[in-house]
Amino acid sequence: MIKAIIFDFDGVLVESVDVKTRAFAKMFDDEGEDVVQKVVDYHLMNGGVSRVRKFEYYYEKILKRSLSEEKLQELCDTFSRLVVDEVINSPYVKGAREFLDIVHSKIDLYVASGTPEDELIEIVRCREMGKYFNGVFGSPVQKGDIARMILSQNGYSTDEVVFIGDSITDLNGAQDSGVRFIGRVADAGDTSFAGMDIEVVKDLSGLEEIILGFNNGNIV
């Protein structure tokens, strides 16, 4: 019986992945096309990884430059300014709002995101999504740790919780905590979960049916 669902945010509940892709590209535009492409490729292949870790990778592995704490904070602040308003105004993933409306009073719902937690909470507040969730959690805490915390604090067993994400980082968080995983694959060309024995969905329009299946036909 599923008692709780943990959602990633960008690309699972809200169509905001492209917003962040454009922001990373803009921030490294002065470095040339080759660097921008490497930055974008890494971002897309590492969805769910915090922006702090991404900036550290970009500087160490791509630019081959040192990155001070002051510069890192400046980058994070700039990125936040570029994306917050756009994420607030991004559309829901198809079926997401309908699912949240139907299920939030019957199953405990949580968010576990790579977005800084204070920023994530503000986005959820501005989108008037707070009513749906029992908890909203972001970086710097890792997703596996967030999931374990949710299990521990609420007394759920691992078979009572499902994690829904769109990246290997999300899958790793689910596996680290021992809960089930459903992958969101929006693009037919996305091979993130190819060859893996996991349930995948194009959007959330059929999610209620999947949860009903887990619960032998009952939503609670």
Protein backbone atom coordinates (compact mmCIF):
# COMPACT_ATOMS: atom_id res chain seq x y z
CA MET A 1 0.00 0.00 0.00
CA ILE A 2 1.48 3.33 -1.10
CA LYS A 3 1.20 5.87 1.71
CA ALA A 4 3.59 8.54 0.39
CA ILE A 5 4.99 9.83 -2.89
CA ILE A 6 8.21 11.80 -3.24
CA PHE A 7 8.44 13.96 -6.37
CA ASP A 8 11.39 15.62 -7.99
CA PHE A 9 10.25 19.09 -9.05
CA ASP A 10 11.77 20.31 -12.33
CA GLY A 11 10.71 18.09 -15.20
CA VAL A 12 8.40 15.97 -13.04
CA LEU A 13 5.81 18.37 -11.65
CA VAL A 14 6.73 21.46 -13.67
CA GLU A 15 8.11 21.80 -17.21
CA SER A 16 11.08 23.87 -16.12
CA VAL A 17 14.14 21.90 -17.27
CA ASP A 18 14.56 24.08 -20.38
CA VAL A 19 14.49 27.21 -18.21
CA LYS A 20 17.58 26.05 -16.36
CA THR A 21 19.26 24.82 -19.54
CA ARG A 22 18.94 28.30 -21.07
CA ALA A 23 20.24 29.91 -17.88
CA PHE A 24 23.38 27.77 -17.78
CA ALA A 25 24.00 28.44 -21.47
CA LYS A 26 23.61 32.19 -21.01
CA MET A 27 26.00 32.26 -18.07
CA PHE A 28 28.80 30.65 -20.09
CA ASP A 29 28.06 32.34 -23.42
CA ASP A 30 31.27 34.41 -23.27
CA GLU A 31 33.34 31.20 -23.11
CA GLY A 32 32.43 30.14 -26.64
CA GLU A 33 30.16 27.58 -28.29
CA ASP A 34 32.23 24.53 -27.36
CA VAL A 35 32.12 25.35 -23.64
CA VAL A 36 28.42 26.17 -23.78
CA GLN A 37 27.68 22.83 -25.41
CA LYS A 38 29.67 20.95 -22.77
CA VAL A 39 27.91 22.88 -20.00
CA VAL A 40 24.47 22.13 -21.46
CA ASP A 41 25.30 18.47 -22.09
CA TYR A 42 26.46 17.97 -18.51
CA HIS A 43 23.38 19.73 -17.15
CA LEU A 44 21.02 17.57 -19.20
CA MET A 45 22.83 14.35 -18.31
CA ASN A 46 22.86 15.19 -14.60
CA GLY A 47 19.35 16.36 -13.85
CA GLY A 48 18.74 16.54 -10.12
CA VAL A 49 22.34 17.45 -9.31
CA SER A 50 22.56 20.76 -7.44
CA ARG A 51 23.75 23.87 -9.23
CA VAL A 52 26.64 24.11 -6.75
CA ARG A 53 28.03 20.76 -7.89
CA LYS A 54 27.45 21.69 -11.53
CA PHE A 55 29.35 24.96 -11.23
CA GLU A 56 32.17 23.15 -9.44
CA TYR A 57 32.32 20.63 -12.30
CA TYR A 58 32.21 23.32 -14.98
CA TYR A 59 35.14 25.18 -13.48
CA GLU A 60 37.26 22.16 -12.59
CA LYS A 61 36.65 19.94 -15.60
CA ILE A 62 35.66 22.27 -18.45
CA LEU A 63 37.23 25.67 -17.76
CA LYS A 64 40.20 24.25 -15.79
CA ARG A 65 40.05 27.18 -13.38
CA SER A 66 39.89 27.51 -9.64
CA LEU A 67 36.57 28.52 -8.13
CA SER A 68 36.50 30.54 -4.92
CA GLU A 69 33.62 30.41 -2.49
CA GLU A 70 32.86 34.04 -3.33
CA LYS A 71 32.72 33.34 -7.07
CA LEU A 72 30.61 30.22 -6.50
CA GLN A 73 28.09 32.24 -4.48
CA GLU A 74 28.03 34.91 -7.19
CA LEU A 75 27.30 32.27 -9.83
CA CYS A 76 24.52 30.74 -7.74
CA ASP A 77 22.95 34.16 -7.10
CA THR A 78 23.04 35.01 -10.81
CA PHE A 79 21.54 31.65 -11.75
CA SER A 80 18.76 32.12 -9.22
CA ARG A 81 17.88 35.54 -10.63
CA LEU A 82 17.72 34.08 -14.13
CA VAL A 83 15.45 31.15 -13.32
CA VAL A 84 13.13 31.79 -10.37
CA ASP A 85 10.48 33.88 -12.12
CA GLU A 86 10.47 31.60 -15.14
CA VAL A 87 10.08 28.47 -13.02
CA ILE A 88 7.24 30.11 -11.11
CA ASN A 89 5.50 30.74 -14.43
CA SER A 90 6.33 27.42 -16.12
CA PRO A 91 3.43 25.10 -17.00
CA TYR A 92 2.68 21.95 -15.06
CA VAL A 93 3.74 18.64 -16.54
CA LYS A 94 0.66 17.16 -18.20
CA GLY A 95 -1.52 15.49 -15.58
CA ALA A 96 0.48 16.76 -12.61
CA ARG A 97 -1.93 19.34 -11.28
CA GLU A 98 -4.91 17.02 -11.71
CA PHE A 99 -3.10 14.25 -9.86
CA LEU A 100 -2.11 16.58 -7.01
CA ASP A 101 -5.66 17.88 -6.72
CA ILE A 102 -7.11 14.37 -6.47
CA VAL A 103 -4.51 12.66 -4.32
CA HIS A 104 -3.05 15.18 -1.87
CA SER A 105 -5.78 14.58 0.71
CA LYS A 106 -5.41 10.79 0.47
CA ILE A 107 -1.65 10.14 0.17
CA ASP A 108 1.20 12.08 1.77
CA LEU A 109 3.14 14.00 -0.88
CA TYR A 110 6.68 15.40 -0.69
CA VAL A 111 9.17 17.21 -2.93
CA ALA A 112 12.87 16.31 -3.05
CA SER A 113 14.78 18.58 -5.44
CA GLY A 114 18.30 19.65 -6.30
CA THR A 115 17.16 23.27 -6.13
CA PRO A 116 18.32 25.13 -2.99
CA GLU A 117 15.66 24.55 -0.37
CA ASP A 118 14.85 28.18 0.43
CA GLU A 119 14.44 28.97 -3.27
CA LEU A 120 12.33 25.86 -3.81
CA ILE A 121 10.02 26.74 -0.93
CA GLU A 122 9.57 30.24 -2.38
CA ILE A 123 8.74 28.81 -5.83
CA VAL A 124 6.21 26.41 -4.31
CA ARG A 125 4.67 29.28 -2.33
CA CYS A 126 4.41 31.59 -5.35
CA ARG A 127 2.85 28.81 -7.44
CA GLU A 128 0.35 28.18 -4.60
CA MET A 129 1.40 24.52 -4.46
CA GLY A 130 2.13 24.38 -0.73
CA LYS A 131 -1.31 22.93 0.02
CA TYR A 132 -0.36 19.73 -1.76
CA PHE A 133 2.76 18.77 0.19
CA ASN A 134 3.59 17.43 3.62
CA GLY A 135 7.17 18.57 3.11
CA VAL A 136 9.34 20.40 0.53
CA PHE A 137 13.07 19.63 0.62
CA GLY A 138 16.00 20.75 -1.51
CA SER A 139 19.77 21.01 -1.61
CA PRO A 140 22.27 20.86 -0.04
CA VAL A 141 20.77 17.63 1.38
CA GLN A 142 21.09 14.76 -1.11
CA LYS A 143 17.95 13.05 -2.39
CA GLY A 144 18.69 9.68 -0.83
CA ASP A 145 19.15 11.38 2.52
CA ILE A 146 15.90 13.30 2.05
CA ALA A 147 14.04 10.09 1.27
CA ARG A 148 15.54 8.31 4.30
CA MET A 149 14.58 11.26 6.50
CA ILE A 150 10.98 11.14 5.23
CA LEU A 151 10.83 7.39 5.94
CA SER A 152 12.32 7.75 9.41
CA GLN A 153 10.30 10.75 10.56
CA ASN A 154 6.97 9.37 9.39
CA GLY A 155 7.36 5.67 10.08
CA TYR A 156 6.83 4.56 6.48
CA SER A 157 8.23 1.23 5.35
CA THR A 158 10.14 1.28 2.07
CA ASP A 159 7.34 -0.51 0.20
CA GLU A 160 4.90 2.24 1.22
CA VAL A 161 6.78 5.01 -0.60
CA VAL A 162 7.44 5.69 -4.29
CA PHE A 163 9.89 8.24 -5.71
CA ILE A 164 9.05 9.85 -9.05
CA GLY A 165 11.92 11.49 -10.92
CA ASP A 166 13.39 12.19 -14.33
CA SER A 167 17.09 11.58 -13.78
CA ILE A 168 19.64 9.01 -12.69
CA THR A 169 20.21 11.18 -9.61
CA ASP A 170 16.56 10.63 -8.68
CA LEU A 171 16.84 6.89 -9.33
CA ASN A 172 19.97 6.72 -7.18
CA GLY A 173 18.15 8.55 -4.38
CA ALA A 174 15.32 6.03 -4.53
CA GLN A 175 17.70 3.08 -4.58
CA ASP A 176 19.80 4.50 -1.74
CA SER A 177 16.70 4.71 0.44
CA GLY A 178 15.18 1.43 -0.76
CA VAL A 179 11.91 2.84 -2.14
CA ARG A 180 10.23 2.16 -5.48
CA PHE A 181 10.93 4.41 -8.45
CA ILE A 182 8.94 5.66 -11.43
CA GLY A 183 10.86 7.51 -14.14
CA ARG A 184 9.43 10.38 -16.15
CA VAL A 185 10.74 10.30 -19.74
CA ALA A 186 9.25 13.21 -21.68
CA ASP A 187 11.24 12.75 -24.87
CA ALA A 188 11.26 9.52 -26.89
CA GLY A 189 14.97 10.15 -27.51
CA ASP A 190 15.76 10.26 -23.79
CA THR A 191 17.64 7.06 -22.91
CA SER A 192 18.25 7.88 -19.24
CA PHE A 193 16.51 4.72 -18.06
CA ALA A 194 17.04 2.55 -21.13
CA GLY A 195 17.50 -1.12 -20.35
CA MET A 196 16.52 -0.69 -16.72
CA ASP A 197 13.74 -2.68 -15.09
CA ILE A 198 11.77 0.32 -13.89
CA GLU A 199 8.35 1.80 -14.68
CA VAL A 200 8.52 4.86 -16.94
CA VAL A 201 5.86 7.40 -17.89
CA LYS A 202 5.72 10.13 -20.52
CA ASP A 203 3.82 12.46 -18.18
CA LEU A 204 1.67 12.19 -15.06
CA SER A 205 -1.69 11.76 -16.75
CA GLY A 206 -1.68 8.01 -16.02
CA LEU A 207 -0.08 8.18 -12.59
CA GLU A 208 -3.29 7.64 -10.63
CA GLU A 209 -3.84 4.35 -12.45
CA ILE A 210 -0.30 3.21 -11.65
CA ILE A 211 -0.74 4.01 -7.95
CA LEU A 212 -4.09 2.21 -7.98
CA GLY A 213 -2.26 -0.79 -9.40
CA PHE A 214 0.28 -0.68 -6.58
CA ASN A 215 -2.61 -0.45 -4.09
CA ASN A 216 -4.71 -3.25 -5.59
CA GLY A 217 -7.30 -0.85 -6.95
CA ASN A 218 -7.50 1.49 -3.95
CA ILE A 219 -6.03 5.00 -3.78
CA VAL A 220 -5.77 4.67 0.02
